[in-house]
Structure formats: structure tokens, C-alpha cells
Amino acid sequence: MRHRVALAAAFLALASGGVALAARPRVAAPSRLLVSGDEYSLVLSRGTVRRGPALIQFLNRGEDPHDLRLRRIGEVAHTVSVPELRPGGLAELDTRLRTGRYRLWCSLPGHRERGMRALLRVRRR
């Protein structure tokens, strides 16, 4: 029965001069995260995002230059980063995140130790 309805709809679309469109696969929109940095803290716009594509923005609200590093806890080799930004600078990082917990920090000398660090949780959905 469903097959007949689908065929009838396609026939009507073609007969009326229209074109029957195939369903497009759904693509997940990226998770979005804003990380604000100043002397000496990192503030995340949310503590949890979903896995998959992610758009991370880093805003330097401080008076000194800052950068941002991001690494999944338990991994050593793979660190994603935003280069050093001057005060007022904004940068975007387009990446993919796997399920787990991530450490975020500023890698400039002494900044991490003074509090420029945060944790992010990446969940399945």
C-alpha cells in the first residue's frame, strides 16, 4: 500500500510539471561553544556538548595575550589549539569531538597554573 502511495505521489508530481525530490540524509549541525579567557580564568558557555562536529570560539577578554589548547583526557598525542590572541581577539576552531572529557587551558607560561583551565564533557547526544 505504501509503495502505491509513493508511486502515485511521484506520478502526480511529474504530471503537474514538478519534480519528485529524494530525501536528503540529515547532517548534524555542529555543537557550539564559546570560551572566554581573561586574567586568569577560562569560562565556558556550557559544560557539555554533543559529540561530532563542533565550532569552538575563543574570545580573549583579558588585557594580556592568551591562547587555547584542547585535549581529550587520556590522549597524549592529539591537542587542538587556537593561536595566541591579542586582547579583544576572537578566533574560531572547527573540529570534531569524540565522547569523553576534555581539558582546556592557556599554554602561555604560568597561565594554566594561575587558573586558566577548564573541563568540558562531550556526550553521545
N, C-alpha and C. Protein backbone atom coordinates (compact mmCIF):
# COMPACT_ATOMS: atom_id res chain seq x y z
N MET A 1 0.82 -1.20 0.00
CA MET A 1 0.00 0.00 0.00
C MET A 1 0.86 1.27 0.00
N ARG A 2 1.91 1.31 0.87
CA ARG A 2 2.79 2.48 0.91
C ARG A 2 3.46 2.69 -0.43
N HIS A 3 3.85 1.59 -1.04
CA HIS A 3 4.54 1.66 -2.32
C HIS A 3 3.64 2.32 -3.37
N ARG A 4 2.35 1.97 -3.35
CA ARG A 4 1.39 2.55 -4.31
C ARG A 4 1.22 4.04 -4.07
N VAL A 5 1.16 4.44 -2.79
CA VAL A 5 1.00 5.86 -2.46
C VAL A 5 2.22 6.65 -2.93
N ALA A 6 3.40 6.11 -2.71
CA ALA A 6 4.63 6.79 -3.13
C ALA A 6 4.68 6.91 -4.65
N LEU A 7 4.30 5.85 -5.35
CA LEU A 7 4.28 5.90 -6.81
C LEU A 7 3.25 6.90 -7.32
N ALA A 8 2.09 6.93 -6.69
CA ALA A 8 1.05 7.88 -7.09
C ALA A 8 1.52 9.32 -6.88
N ALA A 9 2.19 9.58 -5.76
CA ALA A 9 2.69 10.93 -5.48
C ALA A 9 3.75 11.34 -6.50
N ALA A 10 4.63 10.43 -6.84
CA ALA A 10 5.67 10.72 -7.84
C ALA A 10 5.04 10.99 -9.19
N PHE A 11 4.03 10.18 -9.57
CA PHE A 11 3.34 10.35 -10.85
C PHE A 11 2.65 11.71 -10.91
N LEU A 12 1.98 12.09 -9.82
CA LEU A 12 1.28 13.38 -9.79
C LEU A 12 2.27 14.53 -9.89
N ALA A 13 3.42 14.40 -9.22
CA ALA A 13 4.42 15.46 -9.27
C ALA A 13 4.96 15.62 -10.69
N LEU A 14 5.22 14.53 -11.35
CA LEU A 14 5.73 14.60 -12.72
C LEU A 14 4.65 15.09 -13.68
N ALA A 15 3.41 14.64 -13.50
CA ALA A 15 2.31 15.04 -14.38
C ALA A 15 2.02 16.53 -14.26
N SER A 16 2.24 17.09 -13.08
CA SER A 16 1.95 18.51 -12.89
C SER A 16 3.15 19.39 -13.24
N GLY A 17 4.19 18.77 -13.79
CA GLY A 17 5.35 19.56 -14.19
C GLY A 17 6.39 19.70 -13.09
N GLY A 18 6.13 19.16 -11.93
CA GLY A 18 7.08 19.22 -10.82
C GLY A 18 8.08 18.08 -10.90
N VAL A 19 8.98 18.07 -9.99
CA VAL A 19 9.99 17.03 -9.92
C VAL A 19 9.90 16.39 -8.55
N ALA A 20 9.86 15.08 -8.52
CA ALA A 20 9.85 14.38 -7.23
C ALA A 20 11.25 14.45 -6.63
N LEU A 21 11.37 14.90 -5.38
CA LEU A 21 12.66 15.05 -4.72
C LEU A 21 12.95 13.86 -3.83
N ALA A 22 14.18 13.41 -3.86
CA ALA A 22 14.61 12.31 -2.99
C ALA A 22 14.93 12.90 -1.62
N ALA A 23 14.73 12.11 -0.59
CA ALA A 23 15.05 12.55 0.77
C ALA A 23 16.56 12.72 0.90
N ARG A 24 16.99 13.81 1.52
CA ARG A 24 18.41 14.06 1.73
C ARG A 24 18.81 13.52 3.09
N PRO A 25 20.01 12.97 3.20
CA PRO A 25 20.46 12.50 4.51
C PRO A 25 20.61 13.68 5.46
N ARG A 26 20.26 13.46 6.70
CA ARG A 26 20.33 14.52 7.71
C ARG A 26 21.77 14.69 8.17
N VAL A 27 22.28 15.90 8.13
CA VAL A 27 23.63 16.21 8.59
C VAL A 27 23.51 16.96 9.91
N ALA A 28 24.25 16.48 10.92
CA ALA A 28 24.18 17.10 12.24
C ALA A 28 24.80 18.49 12.21
N ALA A 29 24.10 19.44 12.80
CA ALA A 29 24.66 20.78 12.96
C ALA A 29 25.76 20.71 14.01
N PRO A 30 26.79 21.54 13.87
CA PRO A 30 27.87 21.47 14.85
C PRO A 30 27.43 21.95 16.24
N SER A 31 28.00 21.34 17.26
CA SER A 31 27.84 21.87 18.61
C SER A 31 28.60 23.19 18.65
N ARG A 32 28.11 24.12 19.42
CA ARG A 32 28.78 25.42 19.53
C ARG A 32 29.18 25.67 20.97
N LEU A 33 30.38 26.22 21.11
CA LEU A 33 30.92 26.51 22.44
C LEU A 33 31.69 27.81 22.38
N LEU A 34 31.41 28.71 23.31
CA LEU A 34 32.18 29.95 23.45
C LEU A 34 33.05 29.82 24.69
N VAL A 35 34.33 30.03 24.51
CA VAL A 35 35.28 30.02 25.63
C VAL A 35 35.81 31.44 25.78
N SER A 36 35.60 32.03 26.96
CA SER A 36 36.09 33.37 27.24
C SER A 36 37.29 33.27 28.18
N GLY A 37 38.34 33.98 27.85
CA GLY A 37 39.54 33.96 28.69
C GLY A 37 39.91 35.35 29.14
N ASP A 38 40.37 35.44 30.38
CA ASP A 38 40.93 36.68 30.90
C ASP A 38 41.96 36.33 31.96
N GLU A 39 42.44 37.30 32.71
CA GLU A 39 43.45 37.04 33.73
C GLU A 39 42.75 36.60 35.01
N TYR A 40 42.86 35.44 35.45
CA TYR A 40 43.39 34.22 34.87
C TYR A 40 42.34 33.15 35.00
N SER A 41 41.42 33.11 34.06
CA SER A 41 40.35 32.11 34.08
C SER A 41 39.87 31.83 32.66
N LEU A 42 39.26 30.65 32.51
CA LEU A 42 38.55 30.29 31.29
C LEU A 42 37.11 30.02 31.68
N VAL A 43 36.16 30.60 30.97
CA VAL A 43 34.75 30.40 31.24
C VAL A 43 34.11 29.82 29.98
N LEU A 44 33.43 28.67 30.14
CA LEU A 44 32.76 28.01 29.02
C LEU A 44 31.30 28.42 28.99
N SER A 45 30.76 28.61 27.80
CA SER A 45 29.34 28.96 27.68
C SER A 45 28.44 27.80 28.08
N ARG A 46 28.97 26.59 28.06
CA ARG A 46 28.25 25.39 28.51
C ARG A 46 29.29 24.36 28.91
N GLY A 47 28.93 23.48 29.81
CA GLY A 47 29.86 22.47 30.31
C GLY A 47 29.81 21.17 29.54
N THR A 48 28.77 21.00 28.71
CA THR A 48 28.59 19.76 27.97
C THR A 48 28.15 20.07 26.54
N VAL A 49 28.74 19.36 25.58
CA VAL A 49 28.32 19.44 24.19
C VAL A 49 28.18 18.01 23.67
N ARG A 50 27.56 17.85 22.51
CA ARG A 50 27.43 16.51 21.95
C ARG A 50 28.61 16.21 21.02
N ARG A 51 28.86 14.93 20.85
CA ARG A 51 29.99 14.52 20.01
C ARG A 51 29.73 14.86 18.55
N GLY A 52 30.79 14.88 17.78
CA GLY A 52 30.68 15.16 16.36
C GLY A 52 31.26 16.52 16.02
N PRO A 53 30.77 17.14 14.96
CA PRO A 53 31.31 18.43 14.55
C PRO A 53 31.08 19.48 15.63
N ALA A 54 32.09 20.33 15.82
CA ALA A 54 31.99 21.37 16.85
C ALA A 54 32.63 22.65 16.34
N LEU A 55 32.01 23.76 16.68
CA LEU A 55 32.56 25.07 16.39
C LEU A 55 32.86 25.73 17.73
N ILE A 56 34.14 25.89 18.01
CA ILE A 56 34.56 26.46 19.29
C ILE A 56 35.11 27.85 19.01
N GLN A 57 34.55 28.84 19.71
CA GLN A 57 35.02 30.21 19.58
C GLN A 57 35.78 30.56 20.85
N PHE A 58 36.93 31.21 20.68
CA PHE A 58 37.73 31.65 21.81
C PHE A 58 37.80 33.17 21.77
N LEU A 59 37.35 33.80 22.85
CA LEU A 59 37.34 35.25 22.97
C LEU A 59 38.29 35.66 24.08
N ASN A 60 39.28 36.47 23.75
CA ASN A 60 40.21 36.98 24.75
C ASN A 60 39.66 38.27 25.33
N ARG A 61 39.09 38.16 26.52
CA ARG A 61 38.52 39.33 27.21
C ARG A 61 39.53 39.99 28.14
N GLY A 62 40.74 39.46 28.15
CA GLY A 62 41.74 39.96 29.08
C GLY A 62 42.54 41.13 28.55
N GLU A 63 43.53 41.53 29.35
CA GLU A 63 44.42 42.62 28.98
C GLU A 63 45.73 42.09 28.42
N ASP A 64 45.96 40.78 28.54
CA ASP A 64 47.19 40.15 28.06
C ASP A 64 46.85 39.20 26.92
N PRO A 65 47.84 38.81 26.11
CA PRO A 65 47.61 37.78 25.10
C PRO A 65 47.29 36.44 25.77
N HIS A 66 46.46 35.62 25.10
CA HIS A 66 46.12 34.28 25.59
C HIS A 66 45.92 33.38 24.37
N ASP A 67 46.11 32.07 24.59
CA ASP A 67 45.79 31.09 23.56
C ASP A 67 44.88 30.04 24.19
N LEU A 68 44.50 29.04 23.41
CA LEU A 68 43.63 27.99 23.93
C LEU A 68 44.09 26.65 23.39
N ARG A 69 44.21 25.69 24.29
CA ARG A 69 44.54 24.31 23.94
C ARG A 69 43.39 23.44 24.42
N LEU A 70 43.15 22.33 23.69
CA LEU A 70 42.04 21.42 23.99
C LEU A 70 42.53 20.00 23.74
N ARG A 71 42.42 19.14 24.76
CA ARG A 71 42.86 17.75 24.61
C ARG A 71 41.92 16.83 25.39
N ARG A 72 41.57 15.73 24.75
CA ARG A 72 40.73 14.70 25.40
C ARG A 72 41.54 14.03 26.49
N ILE A 73 40.95 13.89 27.67
CA ILE A 73 41.63 13.26 28.80
C ILE A 73 41.94 11.81 28.43
N GLY A 74 43.17 11.39 28.65
CA GLY A 74 43.61 10.05 28.30
C GLY A 74 44.39 10.00 27.00
N GLU A 75 44.34 11.06 26.21
CA GLU A 75 45.11 11.13 24.97
C GLU A 75 46.31 12.02 25.20
N VAL A 76 47.41 11.67 24.59
CA VAL A 76 48.62 12.47 24.73
C VAL A 76 48.98 13.15 23.42
N ALA A 77 48.77 12.46 22.33
CA ALA A 77 49.28 12.92 21.04
C ALA A 77 48.43 13.99 20.37
N HIS A 78 47.14 14.03 20.62
CA HIS A 78 46.27 14.91 19.83
C HIS A 78 45.77 16.10 20.65
N THR A 79 46.34 17.26 20.38
CA THR A 79 45.91 18.51 21.01
C THR A 79 45.46 19.45 19.91
N VAL A 80 44.29 20.06 20.07
CA VAL A 80 43.79 21.05 19.13
C VAL A 80 44.05 22.41 19.76
N SER A 81 44.29 23.42 18.93
CA SER A 81 44.63 24.70 19.53
C SER A 81 44.14 25.89 18.72
N VAL A 82 44.01 26.99 19.45
CA VAL A 82 43.73 28.31 18.87
C VAL A 82 44.99 29.12 19.14
N PRO A 83 45.56 29.75 18.12
CA PRO A 83 46.80 30.50 18.33
C PRO A 83 46.61 31.67 19.29
N GLU A 84 47.71 32.19 19.73
CA GLU A 84 47.71 33.32 20.67
C GLU A 84 46.92 34.49 20.10
N LEU A 85 46.04 35.03 20.94
CA LEU A 85 45.21 36.18 20.54
C LEU A 85 45.58 37.40 21.36
N ARG A 86 45.53 38.52 20.73
CA ARG A 86 45.72 39.78 21.46
C ARG A 86 44.44 40.10 22.22
N PRO A 87 44.49 41.00 23.16
CA PRO A 87 43.29 41.40 23.91
C PRO A 87 42.17 41.82 22.95
N GLY A 88 40.96 41.30 23.20
CA GLY A 88 39.81 41.60 22.36
C GLY A 88 39.68 40.70 21.15
N GLY A 89 40.65 39.83 20.93
CA GLY A 89 40.64 38.97 19.75
C GLY A 89 39.63 37.83 19.86
N LEU A 90 39.13 37.39 18.72
CA LEU A 90 38.18 36.29 18.64
C LEU A 90 38.66 35.35 17.54
N ALA A 91 38.70 34.04 17.85
CA ALA A 91 39.10 33.04 16.86
C ALA A 91 38.11 31.89 16.90
N GLU A 92 37.98 31.19 15.76
CA GLU A 92 37.08 30.04 15.67
C GLU A 92 37.89 28.79 15.35
N LEU A 93 37.50 27.70 15.97
CA LEU A 93 38.13 26.41 15.74
C LEU A 93 37.03 25.45 15.30
N ASP A 94 37.17 24.93 14.09
CA ASP A 94 36.20 23.99 13.53
C ASP A 94 36.82 22.60 13.67
N THR A 95 36.23 21.73 14.51
CA THR A 95 36.83 20.44 14.81
C THR A 95 35.75 19.38 15.00
N ARG A 96 36.17 18.16 15.28
CA ARG A 96 35.27 17.06 15.64
C ARG A 96 35.65 16.59 17.03
N LEU A 97 34.67 16.39 17.89
CA LEU A 97 34.92 15.94 19.25
C LEU A 97 34.37 14.54 19.45
N ARG A 98 35.15 13.72 20.13
CA ARG A 98 34.71 12.37 20.49
C ARG A 98 34.14 12.39 21.90
N THR A 99 33.34 11.38 22.21
CA THR A 99 32.75 11.26 23.54
C THR A 99 33.87 11.20 24.58
N GLY A 100 33.68 11.89 25.69
CA GLY A 100 34.67 11.87 26.77
C GLY A 100 34.76 13.22 27.45
N ARG A 101 35.82 13.37 28.23
CA ARG A 101 36.08 14.65 28.92
C ARG A 101 37.33 15.28 28.33
N TYR A 102 37.30 16.59 28.22
CA TYR A 102 38.40 17.34 27.61
C TYR A 102 38.92 18.38 28.59
N ARG A 103 40.23 18.57 28.57
CA ARG A 103 40.86 19.65 29.32
C ARG A 103 41.08 20.81 28.36
N LEU A 104 40.81 22.01 28.82
CA LEU A 104 41.08 23.22 28.06
C LEU A 104 42.01 24.07 28.90
N TRP A 105 42.98 24.74 28.27
CA TRP A 105 43.90 25.57 29.02
C TRP A 105 44.59 26.57 28.11
N CYS A 106 45.16 27.59 28.73
CA CYS A 106 46.03 28.55 28.05
C CYS A 106 47.45 28.06 28.25
N SER A 107 48.22 27.96 27.16
CA SER A 107 49.56 27.38 27.26
C SER A 107 50.67 28.41 27.46
N LEU A 108 50.32 29.69 27.58
CA LEU A 108 51.37 30.69 27.81
C LEU A 108 51.96 30.48 29.21
N PRO A 109 53.24 30.77 29.38
CA PRO A 109 53.92 30.48 30.65
C PRO A 109 53.18 31.02 31.88
N GLY A 110 52.88 30.10 32.79
CA GLY A 110 52.25 30.45 34.07
C GLY A 110 50.75 30.61 34.04
N HIS A 111 50.14 30.71 32.89
CA HIS A 111 48.69 30.98 32.82
C HIS A 111 47.85 29.80 33.31
N ARG A 112 48.20 28.61 32.91
CA ARG A 112 47.44 27.42 33.35
C ARG A 112 47.50 27.28 34.87
N GLU A 113 48.69 27.45 35.41
CA GLU A 113 48.89 27.32 36.85
C GLU A 113 48.12 28.39 37.64
N ARG A 114 47.89 29.52 37.02
CA ARG A 114 47.18 30.61 37.70
C ARG A 114 45.66 30.51 37.54
N GLY A 115 45.18 29.47 36.84
CA GLY A 115 43.73 29.26 36.78
C GLY A 115 43.11 29.24 35.40
N MET A 116 43.90 29.41 34.36
CA MET A 116 43.33 29.40 33.01
C MET A 116 43.21 27.97 32.51
N ARG A 117 42.22 27.27 33.09
CA ARG A 117 41.95 25.88 32.72
C ARG A 117 40.48 25.60 32.98
N ALA A 118 39.96 24.61 32.25
CA ALA A 118 38.55 24.23 32.40
C ALA A 118 38.36 22.80 31.91
N LEU A 119 37.22 22.21 32.25
CA LEU A 119 36.86 20.87 31.80
C LEU A 119 35.59 20.95 30.96
N LEU A 120 35.55 20.15 29.90
CA LEU A 120 34.39 20.06 29.02
C LEU A 120 34.01 18.60 28.89
N ARG A 121 32.72 18.32 28.96
CA ARG A 121 32.22 16.96 28.77
C ARG A 121 31.56 16.87 27.40
N VAL A 122 31.92 15.81 26.66
CA VAL A 122 31.32 15.57 25.34
C VAL A 122 30.51 14.30 25.45
N ARG A 123 29.21 14.40 25.18
CA ARG A 123 28.30 13.26 25.33
C ARG A 123 27.88 12.74 23.96
N ARG A 124 27.25 11.58 23.98
CA ARG A 124 26.79 10.96 22.72
C ARG A 124 25.77 11.82 21.99
N ARG A 125 24.74 12.26 22.69
CA ARG A 125 23.66 13.04 22.04
C ARG A 125 23.41 14.32 22.76
